[in-house]
Amino acid sequence: MPHTTQLYQHVPETRWPIVYSPRYNITFMGLEKLHPFDAGKWGKVISFLKEEKLLSDGMLVEAREASDEDLLVVHTRRYLNELKFLFERVEGISRATIVDLDAHQGNGHERDFMGDKRVYIMDVYNRHIYPGDRFAKQAIRRKVELEWGTEDDEYLDKVERNLQKALQEHLPDVVVYNAGTDILEGDRLGGLSISPQGIVKRDELVFRVVRGRQVPILMVTSGGYQKRTARIIADSILNLYSLGLIGSESPSVSAQNSDTPLLPPEVP
């Protein structure tokens, strides 16, 4: 009997490569406001982009969640527990690079892909904060450990130099970019001192370097424990769009640094 599914959908070319659902925003009778993480951050980012006339509801892509029945058509339960769908489900993907720029060590994906030579992990993090997972560090192919209070110039230089080297060592079919904003100055959990403009510039240089090598990139927004991070993420997306680095038909770009001004120097 054929398996029926609601998982797949046609995505018109008029849609942007931005995946969002209102379900991403977590509420629990107001108790979410007591948590240091802004559980409504992604909804705020989308609202800011709508205010700037960059997006409308009809331009977004809302992913559908695969059911167990969907996944078990082609995978065993044991395989699903390993969380390694990328190489089996996406045609043409045999090598991937994870660029993890969240302030914390990415020990979750490092443990997931421990010993998997198809996945190259570059991790830039505050060496003094959670989780300090020494076992997981064995999976990092390019490790950049930062000190308390690292600022823009040092940070951006280390990110760019190491990203260039990472792509020279392992040219992937796709880059998964963890664009954490907990590196922002004043974030008590991140412990770094990167300015809002530094975060915008960081995302720009990652996209320039990766797209300059004609490699597709998927950016996910993760850590960030201050209310102002939503505005910064929105400003970064606006900057990437203004430079032609994202969009429905983004042109080929040079991997060289750009002298194009960033957004206004004061980010609300």
Protein backbone atom coordinates (compact mmCIF):
# COMPACT_ATOMS: atom_id res chain seq x y z
CA MET A 1 0.00 0.00 0.00
CA PRO A 2 1.50 3.38 -1.02
CA HIS A 3 2.54 5.66 1.81
CA THR A 4 0.68 8.97 1.87
CA THR A 5 2.35 12.03 3.35
CA GLN A 6 1.82 15.76 3.76
CA LEU A 7 5.54 16.38 4.18
CA TYR A 8 6.50 17.64 0.74
CA GLN A 9 5.27 20.86 -0.79
CA HIS A 10 5.98 22.91 -3.87
CA VAL A 11 7.82 26.11 -2.99
CA PRO A 12 7.28 28.83 -5.62
CA GLU A 13 10.26 30.89 -6.71
CA THR A 14 8.54 33.94 -5.23
CA ARG A 15 9.20 32.56 -1.75
CA TRP A 16 12.34 33.58 0.11
CA PRO A 17 14.82 31.01 1.46
CA ILE A 18 13.71 31.91 5.00
CA VAL A 19 12.02 29.13 6.97
CA TYR A 20 9.75 30.31 9.79
CA SER A 21 6.67 29.22 11.69
CA PRO A 22 4.82 31.02 14.49
CA ARG A 23 5.15 27.74 16.37
CA TYR A 24 8.83 28.54 16.90
CA ASN A 25 7.78 31.11 19.51
CA ILE A 26 7.28 29.52 22.92
CA THR A 27 4.71 30.73 25.43
CA PHE A 28 3.65 29.20 28.73
CA MET A 29 1.28 31.46 30.65
CA GLY A 30 3.94 34.16 30.80
CA LEU A 31 6.49 31.97 32.59
CA GLU A 32 8.71 32.06 29.50
CA LYS A 33 9.54 35.68 30.41
CA LEU A 34 11.45 34.41 33.45
CA HIS A 35 13.88 32.44 31.30
CA PRO A 36 17.06 34.22 30.09
CA PHE A 37 16.40 33.11 26.49
CA ASP A 38 13.92 35.21 24.51
CA ALA A 39 11.45 32.52 23.48
CA GLY A 40 9.72 34.90 21.07
CA LYS A 41 12.90 36.06 19.33
CA TRP A 42 12.14 34.63 15.91
CA GLY A 43 8.72 36.21 15.72
CA LYS A 44 10.31 39.56 16.51
CA VAL A 45 12.91 39.09 13.77
CA ILE A 46 10.16 38.44 11.21
CA SER A 47 8.20 41.47 12.46
CA PHE A 48 11.24 43.71 12.04
CA LEU A 49 11.79 42.42 8.48
CA LYS A 50 8.14 43.06 7.64
CA GLU A 51 8.41 46.61 9.00
CA GLU A 52 11.38 47.16 6.69
CA LYS A 53 9.23 45.92 3.76
CA LEU A 54 11.67 43.09 3.07
CA LEU A 55 9.17 40.31 3.71
CA SER A 56 5.49 39.51 3.71
CA ASP A 57 3.73 36.37 4.94
CA GLY A 58 3.44 35.04 1.41
CA MET A 59 7.23 35.12 0.95
CA LEU A 60 8.08 32.81 3.86
CA VAL A 61 8.54 29.05 3.81
CA GLU A 62 6.98 27.09 6.65
CA ALA A 63 8.51 23.67 7.08
CA ARG A 64 6.30 20.68 7.71
CA GLU A 65 7.34 18.28 10.41
CA ALA A 66 8.02 14.73 9.31
CA SER A 67 6.02 12.13 11.19
CA ASP A 68 7.53 8.90 12.45
CA GLU A 69 5.54 7.13 9.75
CA ASP A 70 7.20 9.31 7.09
CA LEU A 71 10.71 8.64 8.35
CA LEU A 72 10.26 4.94 8.96
CA VAL A 73 9.42 4.41 5.28
CA VAL A 74 13.11 4.69 4.43
CA HIS A 75 14.94 4.43 7.76
CA THR A 76 15.16 2.05 10.69
CA ARG A 77 14.38 3.29 14.18
CA ARG A 78 18.04 2.85 15.09
CA TYR A 79 19.15 5.06 12.22
CA LEU A 80 16.66 7.78 13.10
CA ASN A 81 18.11 7.92 16.56
CA GLU A 82 21.48 8.81 15.06
CA LEU A 83 20.12 12.02 13.49
CA LYS A 84 22.17 11.76 10.29
CA PHE A 85 19.59 12.46 7.59
CA LEU A 86 21.52 14.94 5.45
CA PHE A 87 23.59 12.56 3.35
CA GLU A 88 20.76 10.09 2.80
CA ARG A 89 17.97 12.51 1.94
CA VAL A 90 19.58 15.34 -0.03
CA GLU A 91 20.90 14.55 -3.50
CA GLY A 92 24.42 15.72 -4.21
CA ILE A 93 25.43 16.17 -0.57
CA SER A 94 28.36 13.99 0.43
CA ARG A 95 30.52 16.44 2.41
CA ALA A 96 29.37 19.09 4.87
CA THR A 97 30.99 21.73 7.05
CA ILE A 98 29.51 23.02 10.28
CA VAL A 99 30.65 26.54 11.14
CA ASP A 100 29.63 27.02 14.77
CA LEU A 101 29.99 30.62 15.93
CA ASP A 102 27.74 30.40 18.96
CA ALA A 103 29.58 31.46 22.13
CA HIS A 104 29.29 27.95 23.57
CA GLN A 105 31.07 24.83 22.39
CA GLY A 106 28.76 22.85 20.08
CA ASN A 107 29.18 19.54 21.84
CA GLY A 108 25.84 18.19 20.62
CA HIS A 109 26.66 18.02 16.91
CA GLU A 110 30.27 17.19 17.77
CA ARG A 111 29.15 14.03 19.54
CA ASP A 112 26.63 13.28 16.77
CA PHE A 113 29.32 13.34 14.07
CA MET A 114 32.24 11.99 16.06
CA GLY A 115 34.42 10.02 13.65
CA ASP A 116 32.33 10.91 10.58
CA LYS A 117 34.86 12.11 8.01
CA ARG A 118 32.11 13.56 5.82
CA VAL A 119 31.52 16.32 8.35
CA TYR A 120 34.12 18.99 9.08
CA ILE A 121 33.45 21.01 12.23
CA MET A 122 34.84 24.47 12.88
CA ASP A 123 33.94 25.74 16.34
CA VAL A 124 34.75 29.20 17.73
CA TYR A 125 33.74 29.56 21.37
CA ASN A 126 34.51 30.98 24.81
CA ARG A 127 36.79 28.38 26.33
CA HIS A 128 35.78 29.20 29.90
CA ILE A 129 32.02 28.60 29.77
CA TYR A 130 29.62 25.67 29.54
CA PRO A 131 29.84 22.91 28.39
CA GLY A 132 33.59 22.33 28.36
CA ASP A 133 33.05 18.88 26.85
CA ARG A 134 36.56 17.51 26.44
CA PHE A 135 35.40 14.31 24.76
CA ALA A 136 33.35 16.20 22.15
CA LYS A 137 36.32 18.44 21.32
CA GLN A 138 37.90 15.45 19.60
CA ALA A 139 35.40 15.92 16.74
CA ILE A 140 36.42 19.54 16.08
CA ARG A 141 38.63 19.80 13.01
CA ARG A 142 39.31 23.54 13.46
CA LYS A 143 39.06 24.68 17.07
CA VAL A 144 39.27 28.37 18.03
CA GLU A 145 39.07 28.93 21.78
CA LEU A 146 38.42 32.51 22.90
CA GLU A 147 39.14 34.34 26.16
CA TRP A 148 36.69 36.29 28.29
CA GLY A 149 35.73 39.63 26.76
CA THR A 150 37.10 39.03 23.25
CA GLU A 151 36.25 42.08 21.11
CA ASP A 152 35.41 42.75 17.47
CA ASP A 153 38.79 43.09 15.77
CA GLU A 154 40.35 39.98 17.27
CA TYR A 155 37.16 37.97 16.85
CA LEU A 156 36.49 38.86 13.22
CA ASP A 157 40.12 38.27 12.27
CA LYS A 158 40.10 34.80 13.83
CA VAL A 159 36.76 33.88 12.27
CA GLU A 160 37.80 34.93 8.78
CA ARG A 161 41.29 33.39 8.82
CA ASN A 162 40.07 30.09 10.20
CA LEU A 163 37.06 29.90 7.89
CA GLN A 164 39.30 30.39 4.85
CA LYS A 165 41.59 27.61 6.10
CA ALA A 166 38.67 25.32 6.92
CA LEU A 167 37.29 25.55 3.39
CA GLN A 168 40.75 24.94 1.95
CA GLU A 169 41.12 21.79 4.03
CA HIS A 170 37.63 20.44 3.31
CA LEU A 171 35.58 21.94 0.48
CA PRO A 172 32.01 20.88 1.30
CA ASP A 173 28.81 20.52 -0.69
CA VAL A 174 27.00 22.59 1.93
CA VAL A 175 27.85 24.75 4.95
CA VAL A 176 25.61 24.78 8.01
CA TYR A 177 26.27 28.04 9.84
CA ASN A 178 25.31 28.40 13.49
CA ALA A 179 25.02 32.18 13.84
CA GLY A 180 24.61 32.50 17.60
CA THR A 181 24.18 36.02 18.96
CA ASP A 182 25.24 35.17 22.51
CA ILE A 183 28.63 36.61 21.55
CA LEU A 184 27.05 40.06 22.01
CA GLU A 185 28.60 42.38 24.58
CA GLY A 186 26.68 42.23 27.84
CA ASP A 187 25.54 38.62 27.39
CA ARG A 188 26.27 37.12 30.81
CA LEU A 189 26.13 33.54 29.52
CA GLY A 190 28.37 34.13 26.49
CA GLY A 191 31.05 36.19 28.19
CA LEU A 192 32.33 37.84 24.99
CA SER A 193 32.24 41.51 23.96
CA ILE A 194 31.22 41.64 20.31
CA SER A 195 29.30 44.75 19.26
CA PRO A 196 26.03 44.69 17.28
CA GLN A 197 27.97 45.94 14.26
CA GLY A 198 30.51 43.16 14.81
CA ILE A 199 27.77 40.54 14.61
CA VAL A 200 26.43 42.04 11.38
CA LYS A 201 29.96 42.06 9.93
CA ARG A 202 30.57 38.48 11.10
CA ASP A 203 27.55 37.16 9.23
CA GLU A 204 28.55 39.14 6.16
CA LEU A 205 32.08 37.75 6.06
CA VAL A 206 30.87 34.17 6.54
CA PHE A 207 28.46 34.51 3.63
CA ARG A 208 31.10 36.22 1.45
CA VAL A 209 33.72 33.56 2.05
CA VAL A 210 31.36 30.61 1.64
CA ARG A 211 29.43 31.93 -1.36
CA GLY A 212 32.68 33.09 -2.93
CA ARG A 213 33.50 29.39 -3.23
CA GLN A 214 30.07 28.69 -4.77
CA VAL A 215 28.98 26.62 -1.77
CA PRO A 216 25.36 26.73 -0.55
CA ILE A 217 24.96 27.94 3.03
CA LEU A 218 22.23 27.38 5.60
CA MET A 219 22.19 29.83 8.52
CA VAL A 220 20.47 29.02 11.80
CA THR A 221 20.00 31.57 14.58
CA SER A 222 20.55 30.00 17.97
CA GLY A 223 21.92 31.35 21.25
CA GLY A 224 21.44 34.95 22.33
CA TYR A 225 20.18 35.85 25.78
CA GLN A 226 19.37 39.55 25.45
CA LYS A 227 16.16 41.10 24.17
CA ARG A 228 18.00 43.23 21.60
CA THR A 229 19.35 40.24 19.66
CA ALA A 230 16.18 40.01 17.53
CA ARG A 231 16.81 43.49 16.13
CA ILE A 232 20.44 42.61 15.42
CA ILE A 233 19.49 39.42 13.57
CA ALA A 234 17.00 41.38 11.48
CA ASP A 235 19.64 44.03 10.71
CA SER A 236 22.08 41.32 9.68
CA ILE A 237 19.55 39.80 7.27
CA LEU A 238 18.84 43.25 5.83
CA ASN A 239 22.57 43.78 5.37
CA LEU A 240 23.03 40.43 3.62
CA TYR A 241 20.16 41.29 1.31
CA SER A 242 21.48 44.78 0.53
CA LEU A 243 24.82 43.25 -0.47
CA GLY A 244 23.20 40.62 -2.71
CA LEU A 245 24.35 37.76 -0.51
CA ILE A 246 20.83 36.42 0.04
CA GLY A 247 17.62 36.62 -1.93
CA SER A 248 15.68 34.66 -4.49
CA GLU A 249 18.35 35.28 -7.12
CA SER A 250 21.52 36.21 -5.25
CA PRO A 251 24.38 36.90 -7.69
CA SER A 252 27.77 35.25 -7.52
CA VAL A 253 29.99 37.14 -5.11
CA SER A 254 33.66 37.59 -4.47
CA ALA A 255 35.22 36.08 -1.36
CA GLN A 256 37.17 39.29 -0.80
CA ASN A 257 36.27 41.66 2.01
CA SER A 258 33.79 44.35 1.11
CA ASP A 259 34.20 48.07 1.68
CA THR A 260 30.44 48.45 1.44
CA PRO A 261 29.23 50.22 4.60
CA LEU A 262 27.24 48.17 7.06
CA LEU A 263 23.96 49.33 8.49
CA PRO A 264 23.88 52.58 10.48
CA PRO A 265 26.47 52.40 13.27
CA GLU A 266 23.89 52.53 16.06
CA VAL A 267 21.73 49.42 16.17
CA PRO A 268 18.62 49.93 18.33
